[in-house]
């Protein structure tokens, strides 16, 4: 089965994480979000993925190539200018002549795609839309549906007085290829605002697949941090971390000094080195190839790959890379760009 990944967004609200990276390459526990999603879809029987790209498309293609190293076929279609979700889907029309999946590439979720495909067939639907329940649907697309789980109406980012359902569009669709005929060519089109309502008007069956599985769109730095905390605390799944109910994951070829203290939950990547008398955790991620010196304390933080932290430093509630340091608090997230952070040395 084929899947189309919509991976062209700029990730403006995710800055500074997306200053130098396209949003799909932002790492989740040391691996790009897009890689994690591709491998998950492979497990569901998807054998070919089309990546619809735009922003920093060359970096995505350079990382994934033809997909051979991931055991899946990957092809690309790049928009010169953003065409919207509907326009991007139409632009990829030539790849599809059978039922296919569409996936917004900025999502991290545990929704069962195999079960969704089964549901789509049972409903004899032209389109099936995954929905998930949220407390505040005002920032999303709300879908109302009948007792047979067919869509009745769509409302994008409703005002509080317009909210009639807490089930929102989860950004995962199953399409029959004839639906592509309903999308105008070479135009900026929103699948959510324009095409889905049009399909209802024309009498197409649009099924609604409800799921209470974990779901998060990585739209902001706060959500990026929340996903890492949710993985560490087992609110959502990650294969290498959940295997054997581990609370501490240590990657291959990582060396931890005998006097260092690791307080669960913690994720430490490959080829890292943790020095004497340092304390790592709880709720901490240390990237691949990091060097943490002597007597450091790193708590409730995410440290990106290949960072070198010297001696006698304390980090709490930060996201740290060679380009930026993001200081987190309960109420807001403050980006602090310092020469120290940029030079990749300890504060």
Protein backbone atom coordinates (compact mmCIF):
# COMPACT_ATOMS: atom_id res chain seq x y z
CA UNK A 1 0.00 0.00 0.00
CA UNK A 2 1.15 3.56 -0.70
CA UNK A 3 1.15 6.55 1.64
CA UNK A 4 1.53 10.24 0.91
CA UNK A 5 3.32 12.21 3.62
CA UNK A 6 2.67 15.95 3.58
CA UNK A 7 6.10 17.23 4.63
CA UNK A 8 6.33 20.70 3.11
CA UNK A 9 5.54 22.97 6.06
CA UNK A 10 7.97 25.61 7.32
CA UNK A 11 7.36 24.96 11.01
CA UNK A 12 7.27 28.67 11.84
CA UNK A 13 5.84 28.16 15.32
CA UNK A 14 8.55 25.60 16.05
CA UNK A 15 11.40 28.08 15.69
CA UNK A 16 14.27 28.08 16.56
CA UNK A 17 14.22 24.29 16.14
CA UNK A 18 13.33 24.76 12.46
CA UNK A 19 15.80 27.55 11.66
CA UNK A 20 18.20 25.10 10.05
CA UNK A 21 16.04 21.98 9.78
CA UNK A 22 12.78 21.29 7.98
CA UNK A 23 10.09 20.38 10.50
CA UNK A 24 10.00 16.66 9.55
CA UNK A 25 13.70 16.32 10.45
CA UNK A 26 13.34 17.71 13.96
CA UNK A 27 14.55 14.85 16.19
CA UNK A 28 12.37 12.82 18.53
CA UNK A 29 14.66 10.91 20.87
CA UNK A 30 17.64 11.40 18.49
CA UNK A 31 15.83 10.27 15.32
CA UNK A 32 13.95 12.58 12.93
CA UNK A 33 10.20 12.68 13.44
CA UNK A 34 9.70 11.68 9.80
CA UNK A 35 11.95 8.62 10.19
CA UNK A 36 9.97 7.48 13.22
CA UNK A 37 6.71 7.82 11.30
CA UNK A 38 8.02 6.10 8.17
CA UNK A 39 9.20 3.10 10.19
CA UNK A 40 5.84 2.95 11.96
CA UNK A 41 3.97 2.93 8.63
CA UNK A 42 6.28 0.19 7.38
CA UNK A 43 5.08 -1.95 10.29
CA UNK A 44 1.51 -1.38 9.10
CA UNK A 45 2.31 -2.85 5.69
CA UNK A 46 2.98 0.36 3.74
CA UNK A 47 5.70 -0.47 1.20
CA UNK A 48 5.94 2.81 -0.71
CA UNK A 49 5.93 6.38 0.55
CA UNK A 50 5.69 9.58 -1.45
CA UNK A 51 7.10 12.60 0.36
CA UNK A 52 5.48 15.89 -0.64
CA UNK A 53 8.08 18.53 0.24
CA UNK A 54 8.68 22.25 -0.12
CA UNK A 55 10.67 23.94 2.69
CA UNK A 56 14.32 22.77 2.76
CA UNK A 57 13.32 19.83 0.56
CA UNK A 58 16.95 19.02 -0.32
CA UNK A 59 17.75 18.18 3.31
CA UNK A 60 14.87 15.72 3.51
CA UNK A 61 15.84 14.00 0.27
CA UNK A 62 19.50 13.85 1.26
CA UNK A 63 18.63 12.15 4.55
CA UNK A 64 16.16 9.56 3.24
CA UNK A 65 17.39 8.95 -0.31
CA UNK A 66 15.41 6.26 -2.09
CA UNK A 67 14.47 4.65 1.24
CA UNK A 68 16.66 1.56 0.73
CA UNK A 69 18.40 1.94 4.08
CA UNK A 70 14.98 1.97 5.76
CA UNK A 71 13.66 -1.01 3.80
CA UNK A 72 10.92 0.97 2.08
CA UNK A 73 10.58 2.68 -1.29
CA UNK A 74 10.56 6.49 -1.06
CA UNK A 75 9.77 8.91 -3.90
CA UNK A 76 9.53 12.70 -3.85
CA UNK A 77 7.40 15.45 -5.24
CA UNK A 78 8.45 19.01 -4.43
CA UNK A 79 6.23 22.09 -4.64
CA UNK A 80 7.93 25.22 -5.96
CA UNK A 81 5.43 27.23 -3.94
CA UNK A 82 3.12 25.93 -1.19
CA UNK A 83 -0.20 24.74 -2.64
CA UNK A 84 -2.03 24.03 0.62
CA UNK A 85 -2.98 20.56 1.83
CA UNK A 86 -5.43 19.96 -1.03
CA UNK A 87 -3.08 21.33 -3.67
CA UNK A 88 -0.24 19.14 -2.40
CA UNK A 89 -2.42 16.04 -2.58
CA UNK A 90 -3.55 16.89 -6.12
CA UNK A 91 0.06 17.54 -7.16
CA UNK A 92 0.91 13.94 -6.21
CA UNK A 93 -2.03 12.48 -8.15
CA UNK A 94 0.15 10.62 -10.64
CA UNK A 95 1.43 8.25 -7.96
CA UNK A 96 -1.96 6.78 -7.03
CA UNK A 97 -4.33 4.40 -8.79
CA UNK A 98 -5.62 2.52 -5.73
CA UNK A 99 -6.63 3.17 -2.12
CA UNK A 100 -3.90 5.19 -0.37
CA UNK A 101 -3.11 6.89 2.96
CA UNK A 102 -2.38 10.57 3.55
CA UNK A 103 -0.46 11.60 6.65
CA UNK A 104 0.45 15.06 7.95
CA UNK A 105 4.15 14.65 8.69
CA UNK A 106 4.16 16.84 11.82
CA UNK A 107 2.12 14.32 13.83
CA UNK A 108 3.34 11.87 16.45
CA UNK A 109 0.71 9.31 17.36
CA UNK A 110 -0.20 5.73 18.23
CA UNK A 111 -3.28 5.54 15.98
CA UNK A 112 -3.60 2.03 14.53
CA UNK A 113 -3.40 2.49 10.75
CA UNK A 114 -4.18 -1.16 10.00
CA UNK A 115 -7.40 -0.92 11.97
CA UNK A 116 -8.26 2.35 10.21
CA UNK A 117 -7.82 0.71 6.78
CA UNK A 118 -10.11 -2.14 7.84
CA UNK A 119 -12.70 0.40 9.03
CA UNK A 120 -12.48 2.29 5.73
CA UNK A 121 -13.28 -0.85 3.75
CA UNK A 122 -16.13 -1.85 6.07
CA UNK A 123 -17.70 1.58 5.60
CA UNK A 124 -17.30 1.48 1.81
CA UNK A 125 -16.09 5.05 2.18
CA UNK A 126 -14.62 7.33 -0.46
CA UNK A 127 -12.62 9.02 2.29
CA UNK A 128 -11.97 8.09 5.90
CA UNK A 129 -10.73 10.72 8.34
CA UNK A 130 -9.10 9.84 11.66
CA UNK A 131 -10.38 11.95 14.55
CA UNK A 132 -9.11 12.33 18.07
CA UNK A 133 -10.61 13.97 21.13
CA UNK A 134 -9.06 17.11 22.65
CA UNK A 135 -10.09 19.38 25.51
CA UNK A 136 -9.95 22.59 23.46
CA UNK A 137 -10.80 22.07 19.77
CA UNK A 138 -10.71 25.79 18.88
CA UNK A 139 -7.27 25.53 17.24
CA UNK A 140 -8.22 22.55 15.10
CA UNK A 141 -10.76 21.31 12.56
CA UNK A 142 -13.87 19.97 14.30
CA UNK A 143 -15.88 17.16 12.70
CA UNK A 144 -19.48 16.30 13.49
CA UNK A 145 -20.71 12.85 12.51
CA UNK A 146 -23.81 10.67 12.78
CA UNK A 147 -24.46 7.46 14.71
CA UNK A 148 -23.08 5.42 11.79
CA UNK A 149 -19.77 7.30 11.91
CA UNK A 150 -20.22 9.26 8.69
CA UNK A 151 -19.23 12.94 8.66
CA UNK A 152 -22.02 15.53 8.68
CA UNK A 153 -20.12 18.82 8.91
CA UNK A 154 -16.66 20.39 9.18
CA UNK A 155 -15.71 23.53 11.07
CA UNK A 156 -12.13 24.83 10.96
CA UNK A 157 -10.86 26.52 14.14
CA UNK A 158 -14.33 27.23 15.53
CA UNK A 159 -15.22 30.03 17.89
CA UNK A 160 -16.22 28.80 21.38
CA UNK A 161 -19.90 29.30 20.53
CA UNK A 162 -19.51 27.14 17.40
CA UNK A 163 -17.97 24.10 19.13
CA UNK A 164 -20.37 21.16 18.94
CA UNK A 165 -17.85 18.34 19.17
CA UNK A 166 -14.50 17.69 20.82
CA UNK A 167 -13.41 15.33 18.06
CA UNK A 168 -10.93 16.99 15.73
CA UNK A 169 -9.33 16.14 12.43
CA UNK A 170 -6.19 14.14 13.30
CA UNK A 171 -4.51 14.73 9.93
CA UNK A 172 -4.64 11.10 8.79
CA UNK A 173 -6.83 10.15 5.81
CA UNK A 174 -7.56 7.18 3.59
CA UNK A 175 -8.54 8.14 0.04
CA UNK A 176 -9.97 6.33 -2.91
CA UNK A 177 -8.17 7.67 -5.99
CA UNK A 178 -11.34 8.98 -7.71
CA UNK A 179 -11.56 11.67 -5.01
CA UNK A 180 -8.54 13.36 -6.59
CA UNK A 181 -10.82 14.35 -9.48
CA UNK A 182 -12.64 16.71 -7.10
CA UNK A 183 -9.50 18.75 -6.32
CA UNK A 184 -8.68 21.56 -8.78
CA UNK A 185 -5.27 21.42 -10.39
CA UNK A 186 -2.43 23.93 -9.86
CA UNK A 187 -4.35 25.91 -7.25
CA UNK A 188 -3.82 26.66 -3.57
CA UNK A 189 -6.51 24.49 -1.98
CA UNK A 190 -7.26 23.45 1.61
CA UNK A 191 -8.43 19.86 1.90
CA UNK A 192 -9.97 20.70 5.29
CA UNK A 193 -11.75 23.95 4.47
CA UNK A 194 -12.73 23.38 0.85
CA UNK A 195 -12.58 19.78 -0.36
CA UNK A 196 -14.09 17.87 2.58
CA UNK A 197 -17.22 20.10 2.71
CA UNK A 198 -17.47 19.79 -1.09
CA UNK A 199 -17.43 15.99 -0.84
CA UNK A 200 -20.36 16.07 1.58
CA UNK A 201 -22.29 18.36 -0.74
CA UNK A 202 -21.74 15.92 -3.60
CA UNK A 203 -22.90 12.95 -1.56
CA UNK A 204 -19.61 11.08 -1.08
CA UNK A 205 -19.36 8.79 1.92
CA UNK A 206 -16.85 10.34 4.34
CA UNK A 207 -16.28 7.97 7.26
CA UNK A 208 -14.99 9.07 10.65
CA UNK A 209 -12.51 6.79 12.40
CA UNK A 210 -12.45 7.59 16.11
CA UNK A 211 -9.34 6.86 18.12
CA UNK A 212 -8.40 7.58 21.70
CA UNK A 213 -4.79 6.56 21.08
CA UNK A 214 -2.04 9.07 21.81
CA UNK A 215 -1.90 11.95 19.31
CA UNK A 216 0.08 15.18 19.18
CA UNK A 217 0.88 17.64 16.44
CA UNK A 218 4.36 19.08 16.88
CA UNK A 219 3.33 22.66 16.27
CA UNK A 220 5.23 24.48 19.01
CA UNK A 221 8.33 24.12 21.15
CA UNK A 222 6.07 23.41 24.14
CA UNK A 223 4.50 20.48 22.30
CA UNK A 224 7.92 19.27 21.18
CA UNK A 225 9.02 19.13 24.78
CA UNK A 226 5.72 17.54 25.85
CA UNK A 227 6.18 14.65 23.43
CA UNK A 228 9.56 13.82 24.91
CA UNK A 229 8.14 13.92 28.43
CA UNK A 230 5.20 11.75 27.34
CA UNK A 231 7.57 9.16 25.87
CA UNK A 232 9.69 9.15 29.02
CA UNK A 233 6.60 8.72 31.17
CA UNK A 234 5.05 6.09 28.87
CA UNK A 235 2.02 8.13 27.88
CA UNK A 236 2.92 7.24 24.30
CA UNK A 237 5.07 4.53 22.77
CA UNK A 238 8.57 4.42 21.33
CA UNK A 239 9.87 0.96 20.31
CA UNK A 240 13.34 1.02 21.85
CA UNK A 241 12.16 2.73 25.04
CA UNK A 242 9.07 0.63 25.65
CA UNK A 243 10.70 -2.71 24.95
CA UNK A 244 10.98 -4.55 28.24
CA UNK A 245 9.37 -1.64 30.13
CA UNK A 246 12.66 0.22 30.37
CA UNK A 247 12.83 3.44 32.33
CA UNK A 248 16.41 4.08 31.28
CA UNK A 249 17.51 3.63 27.67
CA UNK A 250 21.22 3.69 26.85
CA UNK A 251 22.30 3.51 23.22
CA UNK A 252 25.10 1.42 21.78
CA UNK A 253 28.72 2.34 22.47
CA UNK A 254 27.76 4.82 25.18
CA UNK A 255 30.11 5.00 28.17
CA UNK A 256 28.89 6.05 31.61
CA UNK A 257 31.41 6.55 34.40
CA UNK A 258 30.91 4.33 37.44
CA UNK A 259 30.39 7.37 39.68
CA UNK A 260 27.78 9.01 37.44
CA UNK A 261 24.16 8.89 38.58
CA UNK A 262 21.35 8.17 36.09
CA UNK A 263 17.87 8.89 37.50
CA UNK A 264 14.95 7.45 35.54
CA UNK A 265 13.30 8.17 33.24
CA UNK A 266 16.21 8.95 30.95
CA UNK A 267 17.06 8.38 27.28
CA UNK A 268 20.75 8.48 26.29
CA UNK A 269 21.66 8.02 22.63
CA UNK A 270 24.52 6.20 20.95
CA UNK A 271 28.24 6.93 21.26
CA UNK A 272 27.74 9.31 24.19
CA UNK A 273 30.03 9.70 27.18
CA UNK A 274 28.91 10.68 30.69
CA UNK A 275 31.71 11.82 32.99
CA UNK A 276 32.45 11.19 36.65
CA UNK A 277 30.09 12.47 39.35
CA UNK A 278 27.59 13.80 36.83
CA UNK A 279 23.85 13.41 37.38
CA UNK A 280 21.54 12.81 34.43
CA UNK A 281 17.78 12.90 34.95
CA UNK A 282 15.05 12.51 35.68
CA UNK A 283 13.06 13.38 32.52
CA UNK A 284 16.13 13.95 30.40
CA UNK A 285 17.25 13.15 26.85
CA UNK A 286 20.94 13.14 25.88
CA UNK A 287 21.60 12.97 22.13
CA UNK A 288 23.93 10.78 20.10
CA UNK A 289 27.62 11.54 20.40
CA UNK A 290 27.28 13.92 23.35
CA UNK A 291 30.14 14.48 25.78
CA UNK A 292 29.16 15.35 29.33
CA UNK A 293 32.12 16.18 31.54
CA UNK A 294 32.72 15.93 35.27
CA UNK A 295 30.25 16.98 37.98
CA UNK A 296 27.44 18.16 35.69
CA UNK A 297 23.75 18.06 36.57
CA UNK A 298 21.18 17.80 33.73
CA UNK A 299 17.52 17.57 34.76
CA UNK A 300 14.23 17.79 32.82
CA UNK A 301 16.08 18.70 29.63
CA UNK A 302 16.74 17.75 26.01
CA UNK A 303 20.34 17.93 24.81
CA UNK A 304 20.79 17.60 21.04
CA UNK A 305 23.31 15.38 19.26
CA UNK A 306 27.05 15.99 19.52
CA UNK A 307 26.86 18.60 22.25
CA UNK A 308 29.93 18.94 24.48
CA UNK A 309 29.25 20.04 28.04
CA UNK A 310 32.41 20.62 30.03
CA UNK A 311 32.66 20.45 33.84
CA UNK A 312 30.63 21.72 36.81
CA UNK A 313 27.56 22.88 34.87
CA UNK A 314 23.90 22.62 35.82
CA UNK A 315 21.05 22.52 33.30
CA UNK A 316 17.41 22.33 34.31
CA UNK A 317 14.35 22.60 32.05
CA UNK A 318 16.13 23.47 28.80
CA UNK A 319 16.41 22.36 25.20
CA UNK A 320 20.04 22.77 24.20
CA UNK A 321 21.73 22.52 20.81
CA UNK A 322 24.76 24.09 19.14
CA UNK A 323 22.50 26.82 17.67
CA UNK A 324 20.17 27.75 20.52
CA UNK A 325 19.12 27.22 24.10
CA UNK A 326 15.42 27.19 24.93
CA UNK A 327 14.56 27.84 28.58
CA UNK A 328 11.26 26.25 29.59
CA UNK A 329 8.80 27.08 32.31
CA UNK A 330 5.25 26.10 33.12
CA UNK A 331 3.78 29.29 31.68
CA UNK A 332 5.98 30.06 28.70
CA UNK A 333 9.01 29.12 26.67
CA UNK A 334 11.82 31.62 26.27
CA UNK A 335 14.39 31.30 23.52
CA UNK A 336 17.85 32.40 24.57
CA UNK A 337 20.39 32.64 21.76
CA UNK A 338 23.83 33.13 23.21
CA UNK A 339 27.33 32.98 21.86
CA UNK A 340 27.99 30.22 24.38
CA UNK A 341 25.21 28.08 22.95
CA UNK A 342 26.27 28.82 19.38
CA UNK A 343 29.85 27.86 20.11
CA UNK A 344 28.72 24.50 21.48
CA UNK A 345 30.39 24.87 24.87
CA UNK A 346 29.09 24.79 28.40
CA UNK A 347 27.41 27.74 30.05
